[in-house]
Amino acid sequence: MELPTGYTDLLCDELAPFGLEFGSITTSDEVTSVRFRADPESFVRTHPGLGIEESYGAQWPPDALALWARFDADANPIEISFEVFDLMIWAASADPGLRDRLNTLADPADHAEAVGEALAAVLYPAEPEDSFLE
């Protein structure tokens, strides 16, 4: 499966503000994987308290943190994850509209934008609007 022309450039634009750089594309008969990388030390300093460093334990720091976007042979997104966050699962429970946009590559520009929106949402969670404790 080939990704749409310009799709990785669109992802680069969406993910650059988070310190993620294009890493690689690998393709097999069944899955195409796009990898973006971030410097672990810099990322954790910029985004403290996410649990990423703790998830590695004694293996911290890794060579790089990775965001993976994987697509099946029919160009359907099957995984979009960044370290401890599965963006597709998060969107399925938190934002049905964003979930729908992440689940199709029909509009590559919108899909890339949705990946950036989902990553921003897990990195910068919104404060609850109402609190039962107030």
Protein backbone atom coordinates (compact mmCIF):
# COMPACT_ATOMS: atom_id res chain seq x y z
CA MET A 1 0.00 0.00 0.00
CA GLU A 2 1.28 3.44 -0.88
CA LEU A 3 0.40 6.40 1.27
CA PRO A 4 -1.24 9.35 -0.48
CA THR A 5 1.18 11.77 -2.11
CA GLY A 6 2.28 14.43 0.36
CA TYR A 7 0.78 12.70 3.41
CA THR A 8 4.08 12.39 5.30
CA ASP A 9 4.80 16.08 4.64
CA LEU A 10 1.41 16.94 6.11
CA LEU A 11 2.19 14.82 9.19
CA CYS A 12 5.59 16.52 9.49
CA ASP A 13 3.89 19.91 9.62
CA GLU A 14 1.38 18.75 12.24
CA LEU A 15 3.89 16.98 14.48
CA ALA A 16 6.82 19.42 14.34
CA PRO A 17 5.38 21.69 17.09
CA PHE A 18 5.62 18.71 19.46
CA GLY A 19 9.30 18.13 18.70
CA LEU A 20 8.63 15.12 16.48
CA GLU A 21 10.65 14.62 13.31
CA PHE A 22 10.10 12.18 10.47
CA GLY A 23 11.90 8.91 11.06
CA SER A 24 10.99 6.28 8.50
CA ILE A 25 8.39 4.44 6.46
CA THR A 26 8.39 0.66 6.37
CA THR A 27 6.09 -1.45 4.24
CA SER A 28 5.22 -5.12 4.25
CA ASP A 29 2.50 -6.94 2.35
CA GLU A 30 0.03 -6.22 5.13
CA VAL A 31 1.09 -3.03 6.97
CA THR A 32 2.67 0.32 6.19
CA SER A 33 4.24 1.97 9.24
CA VAL A 34 5.23 5.62 9.51
CA ARG A 35 7.54 6.50 12.40
CA PHE A 36 8.25 9.91 13.88
CA ARG A 37 10.94 10.47 16.50
CA ALA A 38 11.49 12.86 19.40
CA ASP A 39 14.51 13.41 21.61
CA PRO A 40 13.48 11.80 24.92
CA GLU A 41 15.24 14.16 27.34
CA SER A 42 14.03 17.29 25.57
CA PHE A 43 10.50 15.96 25.23
CA VAL A 44 10.18 15.03 28.91
CA ARG A 45 11.52 18.45 29.97
CA THR A 46 8.93 20.13 27.75
CA HIS A 47 6.09 17.77 28.72
CA PRO A 48 6.66 16.69 32.35
CA GLY A 49 4.28 14.49 34.27
CA LEU A 50 3.08 12.28 31.42
CA GLY A 51 4.59 9.06 32.80
CA ILE A 52 6.76 8.44 29.76
CA GLU A 53 10.06 8.43 31.66
CA GLU A 54 8.61 6.16 34.34
CA SER A 55 7.30 3.72 31.73
CA TYR A 56 10.90 2.97 30.69
CA GLY A 57 12.18 2.37 34.21
CA ALA A 58 15.87 1.46 34.21
CA GLN A 59 16.00 1.60 30.39
CA TRP A 60 15.54 5.39 30.43
CA PRO A 61 16.45 7.18 28.23
CA PRO A 62 15.78 5.34 24.97
CA ASP A 63 17.45 6.44 21.74
CA ALA A 64 14.22 8.23 20.78
CA LEU A 65 10.55 8.44 21.62
CA ALA A 66 8.35 7.24 18.78
CA LEU A 67 5.00 8.05 17.27
CA TRP A 68 3.72 5.28 15.00
CA ALA A 69 0.99 5.53 12.39
CA ARG A 70 0.17 2.15 10.86
CA PHE A 71 -2.12 1.40 7.93
CA ASP A 72 -3.44 -1.88 6.53
CA ALA A 73 -3.17 -2.94 2.89
CA ASP A 74 -6.35 -0.98 2.05
CA ALA A 75 -4.96 2.26 3.58
CA ASN A 76 -7.15 2.01 6.68
CA PRO A 77 -5.51 3.37 9.83
CA ILE A 78 -5.00 0.53 12.30
CA GLU A 79 -2.80 2.19 14.92
CA ILE A 80 -1.71 5.68 15.86
CA SER A 81 0.30 5.68 19.05
CA PHE A 82 2.84 7.78 20.86
CA GLU A 83 4.68 6.03 23.67
CA VAL A 84 2.14 5.47 26.50
CA PHE A 85 -0.76 6.90 24.47
CA ASP A 86 -2.91 5.06 21.92
CA LEU A 87 -4.46 8.01 20.12
CA MET A 88 -7.14 5.98 18.35
CA ILE A 89 -8.36 4.38 21.59
CA TRP A 90 -8.25 7.71 23.40
CA ALA A 91 -10.31 9.40 20.66
CA ALA A 92 -12.83 6.53 20.62
CA SER A 93 -13.65 7.22 24.25
CA ALA A 94 -13.20 10.99 24.42
CA ASP A 95 -14.08 12.56 21.07
CA PRO A 96 -16.26 10.65 18.57
CA GLY A 97 -15.76 13.25 15.84
CA LEU A 98 -11.99 13.05 16.14
CA ARG A 99 -12.24 9.24 16.27
CA ASP A 100 -14.04 9.28 12.93
CA ARG A 101 -11.36 11.50 11.38
CA LEU A 102 -8.55 9.27 12.67
CA ASN A 103 -10.22 6.15 11.27
CA THR A 104 -10.00 7.14 7.59
CA LEU A 105 -7.30 8.32 5.23
CA ALA A 106 -9.87 9.48 2.65
CA ASP A 107 -8.77 13.11 3.23
CA PRO A 108 -5.02 12.95 3.99
CA ALA A 109 -4.80 16.60 5.08
CA ASP A 110 -7.67 16.16 7.53
CA HIS A 111 -6.21 12.91 8.83
CA ALA A 112 -2.83 14.53 9.48
CA GLU A 113 -4.56 17.42 11.24
CA ALA A 114 -6.57 14.95 13.34
CA VAL A 115 -3.35 13.19 14.42
CA GLY A 116 -1.97 16.54 15.59
CA GLU A 117 -5.22 17.37 17.42
CA ALA A 118 -5.29 13.99 19.15
CA LEU A 119 -1.67 14.27 20.24
CA ALA A 120 -2.28 17.79 21.58
CA ALA A 121 -5.32 16.56 23.50
CA VAL A 122 -3.39 13.84 25.32
CA LEU A 123 -0.34 16.04 25.96
CA TYR A 124 -2.37 19.02 27.17
CA PRO A 125 -5.56 17.60 28.70
CA ALA A 126 -8.34 20.12 29.25
CA GLU A 127 -9.45 20.88 32.77
CA PRO A 128 -12.87 19.45 33.59
CA GLU A 129 -15.61 22.01 33.05
CA ASP A 130 -17.62 21.02 36.11
CA SER A 131 -16.42 19.58 39.34
CA PHE A 132 -18.54 17.79 41.88
CA LEU A 133 -16.12 18.96 44.56
CA GLU A 134 -16.74 22.67 44.06
